Protein backbone atom coordinates (compact mmCIF):
# COMPACT_ATOMS: atom_id res chain seq x y z
CA MET A 1 44.56 -21.85 -40.19
CA GLY A 2 44.17 -18.27 -41.35
CA ILE A 3 40.97 -16.90 -42.04
CA ASP A 4 39.55 -16.14 -45.88
CA TYR A 5 38.31 -12.47 -45.42
CA ARG A 6 35.62 -11.26 -47.11
CA THR A 7 35.65 -7.70 -47.93
CA ASP A 8 34.35 -7.31 -51.28
CA ILE A 9 31.37 -4.85 -50.83
CA ASP A 10 31.21 -1.03 -52.17
CA PRO A 11 27.83 -0.26 -51.35
CA ALA A 12 25.94 2.51 -53.19
CA TYR A 13 24.25 3.95 -50.32
CA GLY A 14 20.41 3.64 -50.29
CA ASP A 15 20.16 1.61 -53.27
CA VAL A 16 18.39 -2.00 -53.02
CA VAL A 17 20.57 -4.73 -54.21
CA GLU A 18 19.05 -8.08 -55.14
CA LEU A 19 21.41 -11.14 -53.33
CA SER A 20 18.90 -13.69 -54.10
CA PRO A 21 15.66 -14.38 -55.44
CA LEU A 22 14.32 -13.63 -51.57
CA ILE A 23 16.80 -11.51 -50.69
CA ARG A 24 17.64 -7.85 -50.99
CA ARG A 25 20.10 -5.40 -48.98
CA VAL A 26 20.39 -1.50 -48.48
CA VAL A 27 23.10 -0.24 -46.92
CA CYS A 28 23.00 2.49 -44.25
CA LYS A 29 25.61 5.63 -44.33
CA ASN A 30 27.56 4.94 -41.59
CA PRO A 31 30.63 3.05 -41.71
CA GLY A 32 33.28 2.81 -38.62
CA ARG A 33 35.53 1.04 -36.90
CA PHE A 34 33.02 -1.79 -35.52
CA THR A 35 30.45 -1.12 -39.01
CA PHE A 36 32.58 -2.03 -42.19
CA LYS A 37 31.15 -0.27 -44.61
CA GLY A 38 28.18 0.09 -42.66
CA THR A 39 24.41 -1.65 -41.67
CA GLY A 40 22.94 -3.91 -44.02
CA THR A 41 19.91 -4.12 -43.87
CA TYR A 42 18.31 -6.75 -45.21
CA ILE A 43 14.39 -7.73 -47.24
CA VAL A 44 13.33 -10.92 -46.99
CA GLY A 45 10.53 -12.41 -48.97
CA ARG A 46 8.54 -11.10 -51.80
CA GLY A 47 4.86 -9.17 -51.60
CA GLU A 48 4.39 -10.00 -47.62
CA VAL A 49 8.66 -9.05 -46.47
CA ALA A 50 10.09 -8.77 -43.27
CA VAL A 51 12.73 -6.58 -42.63
CA ILE A 52 16.10 -7.90 -41.17
CA ASP A 53 18.60 -5.19 -38.49
CA PRO A 54 16.82 -2.08 -39.79
CA GLY A 55 19.86 0.08 -38.75
CA PRO A 56 20.29 2.89 -36.65
CA LYS A 57 17.55 5.72 -36.32
CA ASP A 58 18.74 7.61 -39.66
CA GLU A 59 16.30 9.42 -41.85
CA ASP A 60 17.89 8.64 -45.08
CA HIS A 61 18.26 4.92 -44.45
CA ILE A 62 14.50 4.15 -43.55
CA ALA A 63 13.53 6.33 -46.32
CA ALA A 64 15.52 3.97 -48.34
CA LEU A 65 14.22 0.92 -46.97
CA LEU A 66 10.53 2.01 -47.23
CA ALA A 67 11.43 3.20 -51.23
CA ALA A 68 12.36 -0.53 -51.45
CA VAL A 69 9.38 -1.79 -50.13
CA ALA A 70 6.76 0.48 -51.76
CA GLY A 71 3.88 -1.56 -52.81
CA GLU A 72 4.71 -4.34 -51.11
CA GLU A 73 3.44 -4.93 -46.81
CA VAL A 74 5.91 -5.38 -43.99
CA THR A 75 4.97 -7.82 -41.84
CA HIS A 76 8.01 -8.59 -39.43
CA ILE A 77 10.68 -6.43 -38.28
CA VAL A 78 13.62 -8.77 -37.08
CA ILE A 79 16.08 -7.65 -34.96
CA THR A 80 19.44 -10.05 -34.57
CA HIS A 81 20.59 -7.87 -31.06
CA THR A 82 20.16 -4.72 -29.68
CA HIS A 83 23.54 -2.47 -30.59
CA GLY A 84 22.72 0.64 -31.96
CA ASP A 85 24.13 -0.36 -35.50
CA HIS A 86 21.32 -2.85 -35.62
CA SER A 87 17.76 -2.30 -33.92
CA PRO A 88 17.38 1.39 -33.32
CA GLY A 89 15.94 2.10 -36.89
CA ALA A 90 12.78 -0.45 -35.85
CA GLY A 91 11.08 2.22 -33.98
CA PRO A 92 10.63 4.38 -37.12
CA LEU A 93 10.32 1.38 -39.40
CA GLN A 94 7.46 0.46 -37.51
CA THR A 95 5.50 4.34 -37.16
CA ALA A 96 5.87 3.70 -40.58
CA THR A 97 4.75 0.04 -41.34
CA GLY A 98 2.68 -1.19 -38.25
CA ALA A 99 5.00 -3.90 -38.24
CA LYS A 100 5.41 -5.91 -35.00
CA THR A 101 9.22 -6.29 -33.86
CA TYR A 102 10.54 -9.75 -33.65
CA GLY A 103 13.41 -10.78 -31.14
CA PHE A 104 15.53 -13.16 -28.19
CA GLY A 105 14.89 -10.29 -26.39
CA PRO A 106 15.60 -6.74 -24.69
CA HIS A 107 18.52 -5.30 -24.09
CA PRO A 108 20.68 -7.42 -21.16
CA VAL A 109 20.69 -5.43 -17.92
CA VAL A 110 24.28 -5.83 -16.51
CA PRO A 111 24.75 -4.97 -12.73
CA PRO A 112 27.06 -2.17 -12.48
CA GLU A 113 29.31 -4.00 -9.94
CA ALA A 114 29.88 -6.47 -12.56
CA ALA A 115 30.13 -3.88 -15.39
CA ALA A 116 33.30 -2.72 -12.87
CA ALA A 117 35.17 -5.33 -12.96
CA PHE A 118 35.28 -5.08 -16.72
CA THR A 119 36.09 -1.61 -17.36
CA PRO A 120 39.45 -0.77 -17.99
CA THR A 121 41.05 2.05 -16.30
CA THR A 122 44.48 1.68 -17.64
CA TRP A 123 44.41 0.57 -20.94
CA LYS A 124 45.54 4.40 -22.75
CA THR A 125 48.57 2.86 -24.77
CA LEU A 126 45.46 1.02 -26.55
CA GLU A 127 43.35 3.50 -27.11
CA PRO A 128 43.43 5.22 -30.72
CA THR A 129 45.20 8.55 -31.07
CA PRO A 130 43.56 11.50 -31.79
CA GLU A 131 45.43 11.66 -35.53
CA GLU A 132 43.91 7.81 -35.89
CA LEU A 133 40.96 9.40 -35.37
CA GLU A 134 41.18 12.27 -37.04
CA GLU A 135 42.47 9.90 -40.18
CA LEU A 136 39.52 7.81 -40.00
CA LYS A 137 37.20 10.69 -39.89
CA ALA A 138 38.40 12.00 -43.08
CA SER A 139 37.63 8.63 -44.65
CA MET A 140 34.30 8.76 -43.45
CA PRO A 141 30.74 10.28 -45.14
CA LYS A 142 30.53 14.02 -43.98
CA LYS A 143 27.11 12.73 -42.25
CA ALA A 144 28.77 9.38 -40.48
CA THR A 145 31.27 12.14 -39.14
CA LYS A 146 28.89 14.04 -38.17
CA GLU A 147 26.53 11.81 -36.43
CA GLY A 148 29.75 10.42 -34.14
CA HIS A 149 29.62 7.10 -36.30
CA ALA A 150 33.26 7.00 -36.50
CA GLU A 151 34.14 7.15 -32.45
CA GLN A 152 31.18 5.12 -31.07
CA GLU A 153 32.29 1.55 -30.28
CA GLU A 154 28.48 -0.37 -30.89
CA PRO A 155 26.63 1.57 -27.90
CA SER A 156 23.71 -0.32 -26.66
CA ASP A 157 19.93 0.38 -27.37
CA VAL A 158 18.26 -0.23 -24.01
CA ASN A 159 14.88 0.97 -25.63
CA PHE A 160 14.26 -1.61 -27.52
CA ALA A 161 12.38 -4.54 -26.72
CA PRO A 162 10.61 -7.26 -29.11
CA ASP A 163 7.45 -7.05 -29.42
CA VAL A 164 7.29 -10.77 -29.88
CA GLU A 165 10.00 -12.69 -27.87
CA LEU A 166 11.75 -16.34 -30.06
CA ALA A 167 13.08 -18.91 -28.55
CA HIS A 168 15.49 -21.04 -30.35
CA GLY A 169 13.67 -23.17 -33.52
CA GLU A 170 10.49 -20.73 -33.44
CA THR A 171 9.14 -20.22 -36.75
CA ILE A 172 8.24 -16.84 -37.75
CA GLU A 173 6.22 -17.11 -41.67
CA GLY A 174 5.10 -14.84 -44.23
CA GLY A 175 3.89 -15.41 -47.75
CA ASN A 176 6.86 -17.47 -49.16
CA TRP A 177 9.56 -17.72 -46.71
CA THR A 178 10.02 -18.71 -43.84
CA LEU A 179 12.80 -17.85 -40.71
CA GLU A 180 14.14 -19.86 -37.79
CA GLY A 181 15.76 -18.46 -34.80
CA VAL A 182 19.21 -19.79 -34.03
CA TYR A 183 19.94 -18.20 -30.17
CA THR A 184 23.56 -17.24 -30.43
CA PRO A 185 24.95 -15.60 -27.26
CA GLY A 186 28.39 -14.48 -27.09
CA HIS A 187 28.66 -11.31 -28.60
CA ILE A 188 25.88 -10.36 -26.75
CA SER A 189 23.85 -12.39 -24.80
CA ASN A 190 20.57 -11.45 -26.48
CA HIS A 191 21.89 -12.28 -30.08
CA MET A 192 20.08 -14.58 -32.20
CA CYS A 193 20.67 -15.54 -36.01
CA PHE A 194 17.67 -16.13 -38.03
CA GLY A 195 17.80 -18.99 -40.60
CA LEU A 196 15.93 -18.54 -44.17
CA ARG A 197 14.76 -21.51 -44.58
CA GLU A 198 13.63 -22.05 -48.72
CA GLU A 199 16.84 -20.73 -50.11
CA SER A 200 19.11 -23.02 -46.68
CA ALA A 201 20.74 -18.84 -46.06
CA LEU A 202 21.69 -17.64 -42.06
CA PHE A 203 21.38 -14.25 -41.58
CA THR A 204 24.11 -14.14 -38.94
CA GLY A 205 23.94 -10.14 -37.64
CA ASP A 206 27.57 -9.83 -35.76
CA HIS A 207 27.47 -13.36 -34.93
CA ILE A 208 29.72 -13.89 -38.20
CA MET A 209 30.93 -11.67 -39.94
CA GLY A 210 33.21 -11.84 -43.25
CA TRP A 211 35.42 -8.70 -42.74
CA SER A 212 36.48 -9.12 -39.55
CA THR A 213 36.36 -11.94 -36.09
CA THR A 214 33.67 -10.43 -33.86
CA VAL A 215 34.08 -8.38 -30.70
CA VAL A 216 33.46 -10.25 -27.67
CA PRO A 217 33.55 -7.80 -24.89
CA PRO A 218 32.32 -8.69 -21.11
CA PRO A 219 30.75 -9.75 -18.86
CA ASP A 220 27.55 -9.53 -21.14
CA GLY A 221 29.57 -11.06 -23.85
CA SER A 222 31.29 -14.22 -23.25
CA MET A 223 33.70 -16.03 -25.01
CA ALA A 224 32.59 -19.30 -23.61
CA ASP A 225 29.02 -18.85 -25.04
CA TYR A 226 30.42 -17.25 -28.46
CA MET A 227 32.54 -20.67 -28.73
CA ALA A 228 29.81 -22.74 -28.33
CA SER A 229 27.09 -20.72 -30.42
CA LEU A 230 29.92 -20.89 -33.25
CA GLU A 231 29.61 -24.92 -32.27
CA LEU A 232 26.45 -24.70 -32.82
CA VAL A 233 25.97 -23.28 -36.56
CA GLN A 234 29.15 -25.54 -37.28
CA LYS A 235 27.12 -28.17 -37.07
CA ARG A 236 23.82 -27.00 -38.77
CA GLU A 237 22.86 -28.85 -41.57
CA GLY A 238 22.14 -27.83 -45.04
CA ASP A 239 22.77 -23.75 -44.57
CA ARG A 240 24.84 -23.09 -48.14
CA VAL A 241 25.50 -19.30 -47.43
CA TYR A 242 25.99 -16.20 -44.78
CA TYR A 243 24.83 -13.04 -44.69
CA PRO A 244 26.02 -10.92 -41.81
CA THR A 245 24.72 -7.51 -41.10
CA HIS A 246 28.05 -6.49 -42.13
CA GLY A 247 30.66 -7.04 -45.24
CA PRO A 248 29.27 -9.48 -48.00
CA PRO A 249 28.13 -12.45 -48.08
CA ILE A 250 30.19 -16.04 -46.61
CA ASP A 251 29.70 -19.04 -49.25
CA LEU A 252 31.62 -22.04 -48.23
CA PRO A 253 30.30 -21.28 -44.29
CA GLY A 254 31.05 -24.73 -42.67
CA GLU A 255 35.09 -23.34 -43.48
CA PHE A 256 34.84 -20.45 -42.90
CA VAL A 257 32.99 -21.17 -38.86
CA ALA A 258 36.06 -23.83 -38.83
CA SER A 259 38.77 -21.27 -39.40
CA LEU A 260 36.45 -18.56 -36.83
CA ILE A 261 37.10 -21.60 -34.09
CA GLN A 262 40.42 -22.20 -34.87
CA HIS A 263 41.39 -18.56 -34.56
CA ARG A 264 40.04 -18.54 -31.27
CA LEU A 265 42.09 -21.78 -30.02
CA ASP A 266 45.43 -20.11 -31.65
CA ARG A 267 44.43 -16.93 -29.69
CA GLU A 268 44.42 -18.73 -26.72
CA GLN A 269 48.05 -20.63 -27.05
CA GLN A 270 49.22 -17.31 -27.94
CA ILE A 271 48.03 -16.08 -24.43
CA LEU A 272 49.12 -19.18 -23.06
CA THR A 273 52.83 -18.38 -24.25
CA CYS A 274 52.84 -14.87 -23.90
CA LEU A 275 52.52 -15.98 -20.36
CA ALA A 276 54.83 -17.88 -20.21
CA SER A 277 57.30 -15.35 -19.98
CA GLY A 278 56.48 -14.04 -16.81
CA PRO A 279 53.12 -11.82 -15.85
CA LYS A 280 51.36 -9.86 -18.15
CA THR A 281 48.48 -6.72 -18.34
CA ILE A 282 46.24 -6.75 -21.13
CA PRO A 283 47.81 -4.01 -22.88
CA GLU A 284 51.29 -5.51 -22.61
CA MET A 285 49.93 -8.49 -23.93
CA VAL A 286 47.76 -6.70 -26.75
CA THR A 287 51.70 -4.93 -27.71
CA ALA A 288 53.13 -8.45 -27.45
CA MET A 289 50.56 -10.68 -29.39
CA TYR A 290 49.50 -7.82 -32.29
CA THR A 291 51.83 -7.35 -34.94
CA ASP A 292 51.90 -4.17 -36.93
CA THR A 293 49.40 -5.97 -39.13
CA THR A 294 46.89 -5.14 -36.71
CA PRO A 295 46.66 -1.08 -36.80
CA HIS A 296 46.53 0.27 -33.25
CA ILE A 297 43.58 2.12 -33.50
CA LEU A 298 42.05 -1.25 -33.25
CA HIS A 299 43.72 -2.37 -30.59
CA MET A 300 41.10 -1.32 -27.88
CA ALA A 301 39.37 -3.74 -29.92
CA ALA A 302 41.72 -6.32 -29.31
CA GLY A 303 42.20 -5.59 -25.78
CA GLN A 304 38.23 -6.22 -25.39
CA SER A 305 38.71 -9.81 -27.17
CA VAL A 306 41.55 -10.27 -24.82
CA LEU A 307 39.83 -9.47 -21.83
CA SER A 308 37.12 -11.73 -23.48
CA GLN A 309 39.51 -14.59 -23.96
CA LEU A 310 41.09 -14.33 -20.69
CA VAL A 311 37.91 -14.27 -18.20
CA TRP A 312 37.31 -17.85 -20.40
CA LEU A 313 40.68 -19.57 -19.72
CA VAL A 314 40.19 -17.64 -15.75
CA GLU A 315 36.98 -20.37 -15.65
CA LYS A 316 38.60 -22.81 -16.64
CA GLN A 317 41.48 -22.36 -14.22
CA ALA A 318 44.52 -22.68 -17.22
CA VAL A 319 45.52 -19.08 -15.76
CA ALA A 320 44.85 -16.84 -12.20
CA ALA A 321 44.33 -13.30 -12.33
CA SER A 322 45.45 -10.96 -9.49
CA SER A 323 42.62 -9.21 -8.87
CA THR A 324 38.34 -9.65 -9.53
CA ALA A 325 38.98 -5.98 -11.66
CA LEU A 326 39.80 -8.62 -14.15
CA ALA A 327 40.38 -5.92 -17.06
CA ASP A 328 43.26 -4.59 -14.76
CA ALA A 329 44.49 -7.17 -13.50
CA THR A 330 48.07 -8.89 -14.01
CA TYR A 331 47.59 -12.32 -14.76
CA SER A 332 49.96 -15.37 -14.94
CA LEU A 333 49.96 -19.11 -15.49
CA PRO A 334 48.87 -20.90 -12.11
């Protein structure tokens, strides 16, 4: 089963676009390898509104958001997770509006020794070449290039902590809307989606993105958690549309989630088949598994996904690793 990617979005940066009676979107001018056309910030409700994922600390974007809600009251600032393209804008938006922030929790703290096991030192062949980076920069707006968005790979926002921490199933309300927290760890351990009950819609952050599969970087990213979260979302009844932070809305969400699950299972089988011919490192697997249809500039992200999949396979004892330094280990079938 292939993935029917959704890429039909050509944002006019800073403009507010009405997507439904209760949902508006403003896209930040921060396109890149991990943000697609930019961070899509959602405004939920009328009169009393919630803002979901205000994005990076970008003055133009914050100004556009404030212009979009002029004459209304921002009562909630909602964060799906603490990556630099999602949560830093909460600070200036809160200063301007006085609204409280809501999310699952602060950025997770990973012990250095744990992080070291997943930090690659032998992946030079997977790194983008200077020419590839220059080509990417040339295709991006000057503002995004100047601020380094082309090179950043989802930097962490360690400074954000929500005023109100939400548990799975808890709700927040405004004048004409209700958002339900749906805890979905995997991409990062504090990731939470939000269901808009009045429109049977789910804001999926980076858990489910139409334009690309989700990067699951260990140790805080977990493939086991990610798969469980996909199954959790798949079992939700009534969601008719997904609104990811990057890219256009996703219709037929049940079919789309099924294709994502099958994609990961296919990737697992591809890894096992690759290792059947003998032990391999992650760069060797990426070279063998990712064909010319995957640009080299994305091979580093592919390596992270393969690493996540391998960690899960090691946990299930389906694959053996040569050392506890899992990023640089050689893998084999047991």
